[in-house]
Amino acid sequence: MAYSQNTFIKKQKEIEKKKKKEEKEQKKKERKENSVGGDLENMLAYVDEYGNLSTKPPEIKPSKKQ
């Protein structure tokens, strides 16, 4: 006797689903390994006294108290 067509199709779909899941996990792993940033310091931007953005924190100047 031959396989039932439904059984064969179900197995093929299951194999395809498993393959897609493995590919998705592989892509996720690659993205995680190749990520550039994520640190808080990489995401910070500072504004100087003239309103310009920079990646370096401003120098702290002592204020004059009278």
PDB file of N, CA and C in Angstrom:
ATOM      1  N   MET A   1       0.829  -1.188   0.000  1.00  0.00           N
ATOM      2  CA  MET A   1       0.000   0.000   0.000  1.00  0.00           C
ATOM      3  C   MET A   1       0.875   1.254   0.000  1.00  0.00           C
ATOM      4  N   ALA A   2       0.341   2.261  -0.575  1.00  0.00           N
ATOM      5  CA  ALA A   2       1.058   3.533  -0.662  1.00  0.00           C
ATOM      6  C   ALA A   2       0.689   4.411   0.532  1.00  0.00           C
ATOM      7  N   TYR A   3       1.565   5.367   0.780  1.00  0.00           N
ATOM      8  CA  TYR A   3       1.271   6.343   1.832  1.00  0.00           C
ATOM      9  C   TYR A   3       0.004   7.110   1.517  1.00  0.00           C
ATOM     10  N   SER A   4      -0.661   7.510   2.537  1.00  0.00           N
ATOM     11  CA  SER A   4      -1.787   8.409   2.354  1.00  0.00           C
ATOM     12  C   SER A   4      -1.220   9.764   1.939  1.00  0.00           C
ATOM     13  N   GLN A   5      -1.866  10.430   1.015  1.00  0.00           N
ATOM     14  CA  GLN A   5      -1.384  11.725   0.540  1.00  0.00           C
ATOM     15  C   GLN A   5      -1.359  12.743   1.676  1.00  0.00           C
ATOM     16  N   ASN A   6      -2.335  12.698   2.570  1.00  0.00           N
ATOM     17  CA  ASN A   6      -2.386  13.636   3.694  1.00  0.00           C
ATOM     18  C   ASN A   6      -1.183  13.463   4.613  1.00  0.00           C
ATOM     19  N   THR A   7      -0.799  12.247   4.895  1.00  0.00           N
ATOM     20  CA  THR A   7       0.330  11.980   5.773  1.00  0.00           C
ATOM     21  C   THR A   7       1.617  12.515   5.172  1.00  0.00           C
ATOM     22  N   PHE A   8       1.801  12.297   3.888  1.00  0.00           N
ATOM     23  CA  PHE A   8       2.998  12.771   3.206  1.00  0.00           C
ATOM     24  C   PHE A   8       3.074  14.299   3.233  1.00  0.00           C
ATOM     25  N   ILE A   9       1.978  14.960   2.942  1.00  0.00           N
ATOM     26  CA  ILE A   9       1.941  16.427   2.934  1.00  0.00           C
ATOM     27  C   ILE A   9       2.201  16.978   4.331  1.00  0.00           C
ATOM     28  N   LYS A  10       1.621  16.360   5.336  1.00  0.00           N
ATOM     29  CA  LYS A  10       1.852  16.807   6.715  1.00  0.00           C
ATOM     30  C   LYS A  10       3.326  16.709   7.086  1.00  0.00           C
ATOM     31  N   LYS A  11       3.958  15.613   6.720  1.00  0.00           N
ATOM     32  CA  LYS A  11       5.383  15.444   7.023  1.00  0.00           C
ATOM     33  C   LYS A  11       6.216  16.481   6.286  1.00  0.00           C
ATOM     34  N   GLN A  12       5.882  16.744   5.033  1.00  0.00           N
ATOM     35  CA  GLN A  12       6.623  17.741   4.253  1.00  0.00           C
ATOM     36  C   GLN A  12       6.476  19.141   4.867  1.00  0.00           C
ATOM     37  N   LYS A  13       5.271  19.481   5.292  1.00  0.00           N
ATOM     38  CA  LYS A  13       5.052  20.785   5.931  1.00  0.00           C
ATOM     39  C   LYS A  13       5.817  20.888   7.241  1.00  0.00           C
ATOM     40  N   GLU A  14       5.844  19.810   7.993  1.00  0.00           N
ATOM     41  CA  GLU A  14       6.576  19.792   9.255  1.00  0.00           C
ATOM     42  C   GLU A  14       8.079  19.994   9.012  1.00  0.00           C
ATOM     43  N   ILE A  15       8.609  19.349   7.994  1.00  0.00           N
ATOM     44  CA  ILE A  15      10.026  19.495   7.655  1.00  0.00           C
ATOM     45  C   ILE A  15      10.328  20.933   7.235  1.00  0.00           C
ATOM     46  N   GLU A  16       9.455  21.515   6.405  1.00  0.00           N
ATOM     47  CA  GLU A  16       9.646  22.902   5.964  1.00  0.00           C
ATOM     48  C   GLU A  16       9.582  23.872   7.144  1.00  0.00           C
ATOM     49  N   LYS A  17       8.647  23.637   8.044  1.00  0.00           N
ATOM     50  CA  LYS A  17       8.487  24.501   9.217  1.00  0.00           C
ATOM     51  C   LYS A  17       9.743  24.440  10.101  1.00  0.00           C
ATOM     52  N   LYS A  18      10.267  23.236  10.290  1.00  0.00           N
ATOM     53  CA  LYS A  18      11.470  23.058  11.099  1.00  0.00           C
ATOM     54  C   LYS A  18      12.661  23.760  10.437  1.00  0.00           C
ATOM     55  N   LYS A  19      12.763  23.648   9.122  1.00  0.00           N
ATOM     56  CA  LYS A  19      13.854  24.279   8.380  1.00  0.00           C
ATOM     57  C   LYS A  19      13.778  25.802   8.504  1.00  0.00           C
ATOM     58  N   LYS A  20      12.593  26.382   8.360  1.00  0.00           N
ATOM     59  CA  LYS A  20      12.421  27.827   8.482  1.00  0.00           C
ATOM     60  C   LYS A  20      12.784  28.303   9.887  1.00  0.00           C
ATOM     61  N   LYS A  21      12.396  27.523  10.891  1.00  0.00           N
ATOM     62  CA  LYS A  21      12.702  27.885  12.272  1.00  0.00           C
ATOM     63  C   LYS A  21      14.212  27.891  12.509  1.00  0.00           C
ATOM     64  N   GLU A  22      14.909  26.901  11.984  1.00  0.00           N
ATOM     65  CA  GLU A  22      16.362  26.840  12.124  1.00  0.00           C
ATOM     66  C   GLU A  22      17.037  28.010  11.410  1.00  0.00           C
ATOM     67  N   GLU A  23      16.545  28.365  10.216  1.00  0.00           N
ATOM     68  CA  GLU A  23      17.099  29.502   9.485  1.00  0.00           C
ATOM     69  C   GLU A  23      16.887  30.805  10.265  1.00  0.00           C
ATOM     70  N   LYS A  24      15.718  30.945  10.852  1.00  0.00           N
ATOM     71  CA  LYS A  24      15.404  32.135  11.638  1.00  0.00           C
ATOM     72  C   LYS A  24      16.329  32.235  12.849  1.00  0.00           C
ATOM     73  N   GLU A  25      16.561  31.140  13.525  1.00  0.00           N
ATOM     74  CA  GLU A  25      17.469  31.131  14.674  1.00  0.00           C
ATOM     75  C   GLU A  25      18.893  31.481  14.241  1.00  0.00           C
ATOM     76  N   GLN A  26      19.307  30.974  13.083  1.00  0.00           N
ATOM     77  CA  GLN A  26      20.644  31.257  12.567  1.00  0.00           C
ATOM     78  C   GLN A  26      20.797  32.749  12.267  1.00  0.00           C
ATOM     79  N   LYS A  27      19.794  33.350  11.629  1.00  0.00           N
ATOM     80  CA  LYS A  27      19.825  34.776  11.321  1.00  0.00           C
ATOM     81  C   LYS A  27      19.856  35.606  12.599  1.00  0.00           C
ATOM     82  N   LYS A  28      19.085  35.191  13.591  1.00  0.00           N
ATOM     83  CA  LYS A  28      19.050  35.892  14.882  1.00  0.00           C
ATOM     84  C   LYS A  28      20.430  35.857  15.533  1.00  0.00           C
ATOM     85  N   LYS A  29      21.074  34.705  15.481  1.00  0.00           N
ATOM     86  CA  LYS A  29      22.400  34.544  16.065  1.00  0.00           C
ATOM     87  C   LYS A  29      23.416  35.431  15.340  1.00  0.00           C
ATOM     88  N   GLU A  30      23.355  35.479  14.009  1.00  0.00           N
ATOM     89  CA  GLU A  30      24.266  36.314  13.225  1.00  0.00           C
ATOM     90  C   GLU A  30      24.067  37.790  13.536  1.00  0.00           C
ATOM     91  N   ARG A  31      22.824  38.227  13.650  1.00  0.00           N
ATOM     92  CA  ARG A  31      22.552  39.627  13.978  1.00  0.00           C
ATOM     93  C   ARG A  31      23.118  39.982  15.338  1.00  0.00           C
ATOM     94  N   LYS A  32      22.980  39.075  16.290  1.00  0.00           N
ATOM     95  CA  LYS A  32      23.477  39.321  17.638  1.00  0.00           C
ATOM     96  C   LYS A  32      24.996  39.435  17.645  1.00  0.00           C
ATOM     97  N   GLU A  33      25.668  38.584  16.893  1.00  0.00           N
ATOM     98  CA  GLU A  33      27.128  38.593  16.847  1.00  0.00           C
ATOM     99  C   GLU A  33      27.666  39.823  16.121  1.00  0.00           C
ATOM    100  N   ASN A  34      26.957  40.310  15.117  1.00  0.00           N
ATOM    101  CA  ASN A  34      27.441  41.414  14.298  1.00  0.00           C
ATOM    102  C   ASN A  34      26.871  42.767  14.701  1.00  0.00           C
ATOM    103  N   SER A  35      26.208  42.841  15.827  1.00  0.00           N
ATOM    104  CA  SER A  35      25.620  44.118  16.228  1.00  0.00           C
ATOM    105  C   SER A  35      26.720  45.108  16.585  1.00  0.00           C
ATOM    106  N   VAL A  36      26.522  46.353  16.191  1.00  0.00           N
ATOM    107  CA  VAL A  36      27.536  47.389  16.371  1.00  0.00           C
ATOM    108  C   VAL A  36      27.432  48.024  17.746  1.00  0.00           C
ATOM    109  N   GLY A  37      26.264  48.443  18.106  1.00  0.00           N
ATOM    110  CA  GLY A  37      26.125  49.230  19.325  1.00  0.00           C
ATOM    111  C   GLY A  37      25.290  48.538  20.365  1.00  0.00           C
ATOM    112  N   GLY A  38      24.617  49.366  21.120  1.00  0.00           N
ATOM    113  CA  GLY A  38      23.778  48.837  22.156  1.00  0.00           C
ATOM    114  C   GLY A  38      24.152  49.381  23.510  1.00  0.00           C
ATOM    115  N   ASP A  39      25.391  49.849  23.653  1.00  0.00           N
ATOM    116  CA  ASP A  39      25.796  50.431  24.925  1.00  0.00           C
ATOM    117  C   ASP A  39      25.111  51.778  25.112  1.00  0.00           C
ATOM    118  N   LEU A  40      24.917  52.138  26.337  1.00  0.00           N
ATOM    119  CA  LEU A  40      24.298  53.412  26.639  1.00  0.00           C
ATOM    120  C   LEU A  40      25.180  54.565  26.176  1.00  0.00           C
ATOM    121  N   GLU A  41      26.485  54.411  26.318  1.00  0.00           N
ATOM    122  CA  GLU A  41      27.402  55.479  25.921  1.00  0.00           C
ATOM    123  C   GLU A  41      27.373  55.719  24.414  1.00  0.00           C
ATOM    124  N   ASN A  42      27.116  54.701  23.629  1.00  0.00           N
ATOM    125  CA  ASN A  42      27.032  54.877  22.181  1.00  0.00           C
ATOM    126  C   ASN A  42      25.765  55.610  21.776  1.00  0.00           C
ATOM    127  N   MET A  43      24.758  55.579  22.615  1.00  0.00           N
ATOM    128  CA  MET A  43      23.480  56.196  22.278  1.00  0.00           C
ATOM    129  C   MET A  43      23.346  57.619  22.815  1.00  0.00           C
ATOM    130  N   LEU A  44      24.253  58.053  23.678  1.00  0.00           N
ATOM    131  CA  LEU A  44      24.141  59.376  24.271  1.00  0.00           C
ATOM    132  C   LEU A  44      24.636  60.457  23.326  1.00  0.00           C
ATOM    133  N   ALA A  45      23.992  61.612  23.389  1.00  0.00           N
ATOM    134  CA  ALA A  45      24.440  62.792  22.660  1.00  0.00           C
ATOM    135  C   ALA A  45      24.406  63.953  23.640  1.00  0.00           C
ATOM    136  N   TYR A  46      25.388  64.809  23.545  1.00  0.00           N
ATOM    137  CA  TYR A  46      25.492  65.951  24.443  1.00  0.00           C
ATOM    138  C   TYR A  46      25.253  67.237  23.650  1.00  0.00           C
ATOM    139  N   VAL A  47      24.701  68.227  24.317  1.00  0.00           N
ATOM    140  CA  VAL A  47      24.456  69.523  23.706  1.00  0.00           C
ATOM    141  C   VAL A  47      25.387  70.525  24.364  1.00  0.00           C
ATOM    142  N   ASP A  48      26.161  71.240  23.542  1.00  0.00           N
ATOM    143  CA  ASP A  48      27.065  72.238  24.113  1.00  0.00           C
ATOM    144  C   ASP A  48      26.323  73.559  24.332  1.00  0.00           C
ATOM    145  N   GLU A  49      27.052  74.556  24.786  1.00  0.00           N
ATOM    146  CA  GLU A  49      26.424  75.828  25.136  1.00  0.00           C
ATOM    147  C   GLU A  49      25.864  76.561  23.931  1.00  0.00           C
ATOM    148  N   TYR A  50      26.285  76.187  22.723  1.00  0.00           N
ATOM    149  CA  TYR A  50      25.795  76.830  21.509  1.00  0.00           C
ATOM    150  C   TYR A  50      24.658  76.045  20.852  1.00  0.00           C
ATOM    151  N   GLY A  51      24.278  74.912  21.436  1.00  0.00           N
ATOM    152  CA  GLY A  51      23.178  74.111  20.913  1.00  0.00           C
ATOM    153  C   GLY A  51      23.590  73.062  19.909  1.00  0.00           C
ATOM    154  N   ASN A  52      24.889  72.814  19.775  1.00  0.00           N
ATOM    155  CA  ASN A  52      25.379  71.801  18.847  1.00  0.00           C
ATOM    156  C   ASN A  52      25.461  70.446  19.540  1.00  0.00           C
ATOM    157  N   LEU A  53      25.167  69.387  18.788  1.00  0.00           N
ATOM    158  CA  LEU A  53      25.245  68.035  19.324  1.00  0.00           C
ATOM    159  C   LEU A  53      26.656  67.489  19.173  1.00  0.00           C
ATOM    160  N   SER A  54      27.101  66.742  20.170  1.00  0.00           N
ATOM    161  CA  SER A  54      28.413  66.104  20.093  1.00  0.00           C
ATOM    162  C   SER A  54      28.369  64.781  20.849  1.00  0.00           C
ATOM    163  N   THR A  55      29.374  63.949  20.604  1.00  0.00           N
ATOM    164  CA  THR A  55      29.422  62.654  21.276  1.00  0.00           C
ATOM    165  C   THR A  55      30.254  62.719  22.542  1.00  0.00           C
ATOM    166  N   LYS A  56      31.021  63.796  22.702  1.00  0.00           N
ATOM    167  CA  LYS A  56      31.860  63.954  23.885  1.00  0.00           C
ATOM    168  C   LYS A  56      31.135  64.788  24.935  1.00  0.00           C
ATOM    169  N   PRO A  57      31.270  64.438  26.208  1.00  0.00           N
ATOM    170  CA  PRO A  57      30.637  65.257  27.245  1.00  0.00           C
ATOM    171  C   PRO A  57      31.314  66.623  27.335  1.00  0.00           C
ATOM    172  N   PRO A  58      30.558  67.647  27.683  1.00  0.00           N
ATOM    173  CA  PRO A  58      31.148  68.975  27.771  1.00  0.00           C
ATOM    174  C   PRO A  58      32.115  69.077  28.945  1.00  0.00           C
ATOM    175  N   GLU A  59      33.092  69.963  28.789  1.00  0.00           N
ATOM    176  CA  GLU A  59      34.032  70.189  29.875  1.00  0.00           C
ATOM    177  C   GLU A  59      33.321  70.989  30.966  1.00  0.00           C
ATOM    178  N   ILE A  60      33.563  70.612  32.190  1.00  0.00           N
ATOM    179  CA  ILE A  60      32.933  71.301  33.309  1.00  0.00           C
ATOM    180  C   ILE A  60      33.836  72.469  33.701  1.00  0.00           C
ATOM    181  N   LYS A  61      33.289  73.650  33.567  1.00  0.00           N
ATOM    182  CA  LYS A  61      34.042  74.857  33.912  1.00  0.00           C
ATOM    183  C   LYS A  61      33.553  75.349  35.280  1.00  0.00           C
ATOM    184  N   PRO A  62      34.470  75.715  36.128  1.00  0.00           N
ATOM    185  CA  PRO A  62      34.034  76.222  37.433  1.00  0.00           C
ATOM    186  C   PRO A  62      33.297  77.553  37.248  1.00  0.00           C
ATOM    187  N   SER A  63      32.191  77.665  37.917  1.00  0.00           N
ATOM    188  CA  SER A  63      31.416  78.883  37.804  1.00  0.00           C
ATOM    189  C   SER A  63      31.931  79.926  38.800  1.00  0.00           C
ATOM    190  N   LYS A  64      31.769  81.175  38.453  1.00  0.00           N
ATOM    191  CA  LYS A  64      32.210  82.259  39.313  1.00  0.00           C
ATOM    192  C   LYS A  64      31.110  82.587  40.309  1.00  0.00           C
ATOM    193  N   LYS A  65      31.422  82.520  41.565  1.00  0.00           N
ATOM    194  CA  LYS A  65      30.457  82.876  42.590  1.00  0.00           C
ATOM    195  C   LYS A  65      30.875  84.216  43.178  1.00  0.00           C
ATOM    196  N   GLN A  66      29.935  85.113  43.346  1.00  0.00           N
ATOM    197  CA  GLN A  66      30.235  86.436  43.888  1.00  0.00           C
ATOM    198  C   GLN A  66      29.580  86.623  45.219  1.00  0.00           C
TER     199      GLN A  66
END
